Every structure is written in structure tokens, then in C-alpha cells.
Protein backbone atom coordinates (compact mmCIF):
# COMPACT_ATOMS: atom_id res chain seq x y z
CA UNK A 1 -14.27 18.61 -1.26
CA UNK A 2 -13.90 14.83 -1.35
CA UNK A 3 -11.72 13.26 1.34
CA UNK A 4 -8.91 11.35 -0.36
CA UNK A 5 -6.79 8.75 1.39
CA UNK A 6 -3.83 7.21 -0.44
CA UNK A 7 -2.06 4.05 0.69
CA UNK A 8 0.72 1.67 -0.27
CA UNK A 9 2.02 -1.62 1.17
CA UNK A 10 5.36 -3.41 1.28
CA UNK A 11 5.55 -7.17 1.59
CA UNK A 12 7.99 -9.88 2.60
CA UNK A 13 9.46 -11.25 -0.61
CA UNK A 14 12.53 -13.45 -0.11
CA UNK A 15 12.21 -14.86 -3.64
CA UNK A 16 12.57 -11.56 -5.50
CA UNK A 17 9.86 -11.00 -8.09
CA UNK A 18 7.69 -13.92 -6.94
CA UNK A 19 4.55 -12.62 -5.20
CA UNK A 20 3.02 -15.11 -2.78
CA UNK A 21 0.38 -13.50 -0.54
CA UNK A 22 -0.75 -16.90 0.75
CA UNK A 23 2.75 -17.46 2.15
CA UNK A 24 4.47 -14.10 2.72
CA UNK A 25 3.28 -11.43 5.18
CA UNK A 26 2.59 -7.78 4.65
CA UNK A 27 5.36 -5.81 6.41
CA UNK A 28 4.14 -2.23 6.35
CA UNK A 29 1.41 0.06 5.11
CA UNK A 30 1.70 3.79 4.48
CA UNK A 31 -1.11 6.34 4.40
CA UNK A 32 -1.24 9.86 3.09
CA UNK A 33 -4.25 12.15 3.31
CA UNK A 34 -5.43 15.40 4.83
CA UNK A 35 -3.96 15.47 8.34
CA UNK A 36 -2.39 12.03 7.95
CA UNK A 37 1.10 10.98 6.97
CA UNK A 38 1.93 7.63 8.55
CA UNK A 39 3.65 4.27 8.11
CA UNK A 40 2.67 1.30 10.23
CA UNK A 41 4.95 -1.71 10.54
CA UNK A 42 5.29 -4.57 12.99
CA UNK A 43 9.08 -4.98 13.20
CA UNK A 44 10.22 -2.68 15.95
CA UNK A 45 13.37 -0.57 15.62
CA UNK A 46 14.67 2.65 17.10
CA UNK A 47 13.36 5.76 15.38
CA UNK A 48 12.67 9.38 16.15
CA UNK A 49 10.15 9.65 13.31
CA UNK A 50 6.66 10.67 14.38
CA UNK A 51 5.38 9.21 11.10
CA UNK A 52 6.21 5.59 12.03
CA UNK A 53 3.83 3.56 14.18
CA UNK A 54 4.33 -0.02 15.35
CA UNK A 55 1.74 -2.80 15.49
CA UNK A 56 2.29 -5.98 17.51
CA UNK A 57 2.18 -8.33 14.52
CA UNK A 58 0.79 -8.65 11.00
CA UNK A 59 -2.75 -9.19 12.27
CA UNK A 60 -2.43 -5.96 14.27
CA UNK A 61 -1.18 -4.20 11.13
CA UNK A 62 -4.25 -5.32 9.18
CA UNK A 63 -6.57 -4.26 12.01
CA UNK A 64 -4.85 -0.86 12.13
CA UNK A 65 -5.28 -0.56 8.34
CA UNK A 66 -9.03 -1.00 8.84
CA UNK A 67 -9.11 1.43 11.79
CA UNK A 68 -7.39 4.21 9.85
CA UNK A 69 -9.80 3.89 6.95
CA UNK A 70 -12.75 3.99 9.37
CA UNK A 71 -11.28 6.95 11.31
CA UNK A 72 -10.61 9.02 8.19
CA UNK A 73 -13.79 8.04 6.34
CA UNK A 74 -12.41 8.71 2.86
CA UNK A 75 -14.68 9.34 -0.07
CA UNK A 76 -11.85 8.09 -2.28
CA UNK A 77 -9.30 5.41 -1.37
CA UNK A 78 -6.42 5.36 -3.83
CA UNK A 79 -3.12 3.68 -4.58
CA UNK A 80 -0.81 2.88 -7.48
CA UNK A 81 -1.59 -0.61 -8.85
CA UNK A 82 -3.81 -1.14 -5.81
CA UNK A 83 -6.36 -3.20 -7.78
CA UNK A 84 -3.67 -5.52 -9.08
CA UNK A 85 -1.56 -5.84 -5.94
CA UNK A 86 -2.25 -3.98 -2.68
CA UNK A 87 -5.92 -4.72 -1.99
CA UNK A 88 -5.85 -8.36 -3.15
CA UNK A 89 -2.71 -8.91 -1.04
CA UNK A 90 -4.26 -7.33 2.05
CA UNK A 91 -7.45 -9.34 1.56
CA UNK A 92 -5.51 -12.61 1.26
CA UNK A 93 -3.50 -11.83 4.40
CA UNK A 94 -6.66 -10.77 6.28
CA UNK A 95 -8.32 -14.08 5.37
CA UNK A 96 -5.25 -15.96 6.64
CA UNK A 97 -5.67 -14.24 10.02
CA UNK A 98 -9.46 -14.68 9.95
CA UNK A 99 -9.97 -10.89 9.88
CA UNK A 100 -12.91 -9.54 7.93
CA UNK A 101 -11.81 -6.80 5.54
CA UNK A 102 -15.12 -5.02 6.13
CA UNK A 103 -14.24 -1.55 4.87
CA UNK A 104 -17.61 -0.75 3.30
CA UNK A 105 -19.66 2.02 4.85
CA UNK A 106 -22.27 -0.66 5.53
CA UNK A 107 -19.49 -2.86 7.03
CA UNK A 108 -19.53 -5.12 3.96
CA UNK A 109 -16.29 -6.78 2.93
CA UNK A 110 -14.07 -5.60 0.11
CA UNK A 111 -14.86 -7.43 -3.11
CA UNK A 112 -11.85 -8.37 -5.23
CA UNK A 113 -12.28 -9.59 -8.77
CA UNK A 114 -9.11 -11.02 -10.30
CA UNK A 115 -8.63 -11.57 -13.98
CA UNK A 116 -8.01 -9.54 -17.08
CA UNK A 117 -9.35 -6.40 -15.39
CA UNK A 118 -8.57 -6.69 -11.67
CA UNK A 119 -11.01 -4.64 -9.63
CA UNK A 120 -11.62 -3.95 -5.97
CA UNK A 121 -14.95 -2.61 -4.77
CA UNK A 122 -15.74 -1.06 -1.40
CA UNK A 123 -19.36 -0.16 -0.72
CA UNK A 124 -19.68 3.61 -0.22
CA UNK A 125 -16.02 4.40 -0.94
CA UNK A 126 -14.65 5.03 -4.41
CA UNK A 127 -11.51 2.99 -4.96
CA UNK A 128 -9.28 4.60 -7.58
CA UNK A 129 -6.26 2.72 -8.89
CA UNK A 130 -4.01 5.51 -10.22
CA UNK A 131 -2.06 3.02 -12.37
CA UNK A 132 -5.24 2.21 -14.33
CA UNK A 133 -5.99 5.91 -14.80
CA UNK A 134 -2.46 6.61 -16.05
CA UNK A 135 -2.46 3.58 -18.35
CA UNK A 136 -5.94 4.04 -19.82
CA UNK A 137 -6.27 7.83 -19.91
CA UNK A 138 -2.81 9.40 -19.95
CA UNK A 139 -0.48 6.91 -21.61
CA UNK A 140 -0.73 8.54 -25.03
CA UNK A 141 0.49 11.83 -23.61
CA UNK A 142 3.43 10.45 -21.61
CA UNK A 143 6.99 10.27 -22.90
CA UNK A 144 7.90 7.30 -20.71
CA UNK A 145 7.63 3.73 -21.97
CA UNK A 146 7.49 2.42 -18.40
CA UNK A 147 4.46 2.65 -16.18
CA UNK A 148 6.37 1.90 -13.01
CA UNK A 149 5.65 4.43 -10.28
CA UNK A 150 9.15 5.92 -10.42
CA UNK A 151 8.99 6.67 -14.16
CA UNK A 152 5.48 8.12 -14.02
CA UNK A 153 6.17 10.23 -10.91
CA UNK A 154 9.37 11.52 -12.48
CA UNK A 155 7.58 12.64 -15.63
CA UNK A 156 4.39 14.01 -14.08
CA UNK A 157 5.68 15.39 -10.77
CA UNK A 158 9.39 15.84 -11.40
CA UNK A 159 10.08 13.57 -8.41
CA UNK A 160 12.17 10.43 -8.31
CA UNK A 161 11.53 7.69 -5.79
CA UNK A 162 13.98 7.24 -2.96
CA UNK A 163 16.49 4.58 -3.87
CA UNK A 164 15.98 1.38 -1.91
CA UNK A 165 16.37 -2.17 -3.16
CA UNK A 166 13.08 -3.89 -2.40
CA UNK A 167 14.64 -7.23 -3.27
CA UNK A 168 16.75 -6.79 -0.11
CA UNK A 169 13.82 -5.90 2.16
CA UNK A 170 13.24 -9.48 3.37
CA UNK A 171 16.89 -9.87 4.39
CA UNK A 172 16.91 -6.51 6.15
CA UNK A 173 13.63 -7.37 7.87
CA UNK A 174 15.16 -10.63 9.15
CA UNK A 175 18.68 -9.46 9.96
CA UNK A 176 19.07 -5.66 10.07
CA UNK A 177 15.91 -4.02 11.46
CA UNK A 178 17.93 -0.89 12.20
CA UNK A 179 17.90 -0.26 8.41
CA UNK A 180 14.11 -0.48 8.06
CA UNK A 181 13.46 3.24 8.51
CA UNK A 182 14.56 4.03 4.96
CA UNK A 183 12.11 1.39 3.68
CA UNK A 184 9.38 3.06 5.76
CA UNK A 185 10.33 6.41 4.17
CA UNK A 186 10.13 4.81 0.73
CA UNK A 187 6.76 3.25 1.55
CA UNK A 188 5.43 6.63 2.69
CA UNK A 189 6.70 8.35 -0.45
CA UNK A 190 4.98 5.71 -2.59
CA UNK A 191 1.67 6.47 -0.89
CA UNK A 192 1.65 10.08 -2.10
């Protein structure tokens, strides 16, 4: 049985749809796999959830991301649109903090190729972007016209995403950390 580890990130985005990994930090990362269901963030708030873990800062979050992948030694690392967003974003933020994103089994760094067909390669670990699989293999058999995670999950799994407004996450991060738990819950749901 292959060991599968799914992940998802949320980022600071005060400008709405504009994605600027060179400027804006990663706020949280969620993992889901056998024996693991966890969100790590670096803004502290009161919670009773055993699934939420706090890092000291964004650099600590990135280091913890690496540690979890090393601890769980997945055969397959997966996410939804992880080639086009999550891995390139994490790599950019890691470079900003001078952290090597050396996730390969031989401790080589993640290779990200941007362009028409974004790809991320990790030596010894299969990286599977579920969005690409859905779009290339299953799109002809889906009723939905949208390939957003919510629409696809609703059709394939009968599950809707929890309703949070990600455009408000930056403001909540800055001003209302007591409301971050629902964003952590959303992040965790997106990982599985």
C-alpha cells in the first residue's frame, strides 16, 4: 500500500485575487494522511483543537512542513492545484527565508517548472496534482463546468467546502485572530 500524504496551504492575500509569493507570507499548511490530520499556523490563538499546531513564525512553518514530509515518508505527496500554486508558493517563501526545500529522498531540492504545464518534481516521491488528474482524465465525465475544488468535491464526493471568505483572511489574520480557527478547519478540509 503506498503511503499518501495530502496537503494544502493558505496565504496572506490583502489584495484579493492577486497572488504575490515574493511579498506575501504563507499563513498555514494542512496535512491529511494515515495517522495524520493537522494544520500548522504561526498566528497564535486560543483553541481546544488537537489538530492545530503553532509554529513561531513563517520560517518555522516551512521547516515544520519539511519535517512532516520527512517523518511520514510518503510515496505520494498530493494536493489540489499543488503544481500551479502550493509548491511554487512554498518554494518561493522558503527561498526568501534561505531555507532549502530539500524534500527529495536524496535530500535534493524540489524542482519547480513554471509555464504552460507547471510541474513540481521531488526525487523519490511521486507528486500528484489532483487538479491536473481531474482536468485531463475526468473532465469529460463531470457535470460541473467549474474545476474549483468546491464544485469537484461536491460532484465526486457529495461534500461541499466549509463556507469561509478567503478574501477576508488577511484582515482576520491582522485584526481578529480569534476567528482563525474556522480558516484552519477550512484548510484541513481542503487537504483531504
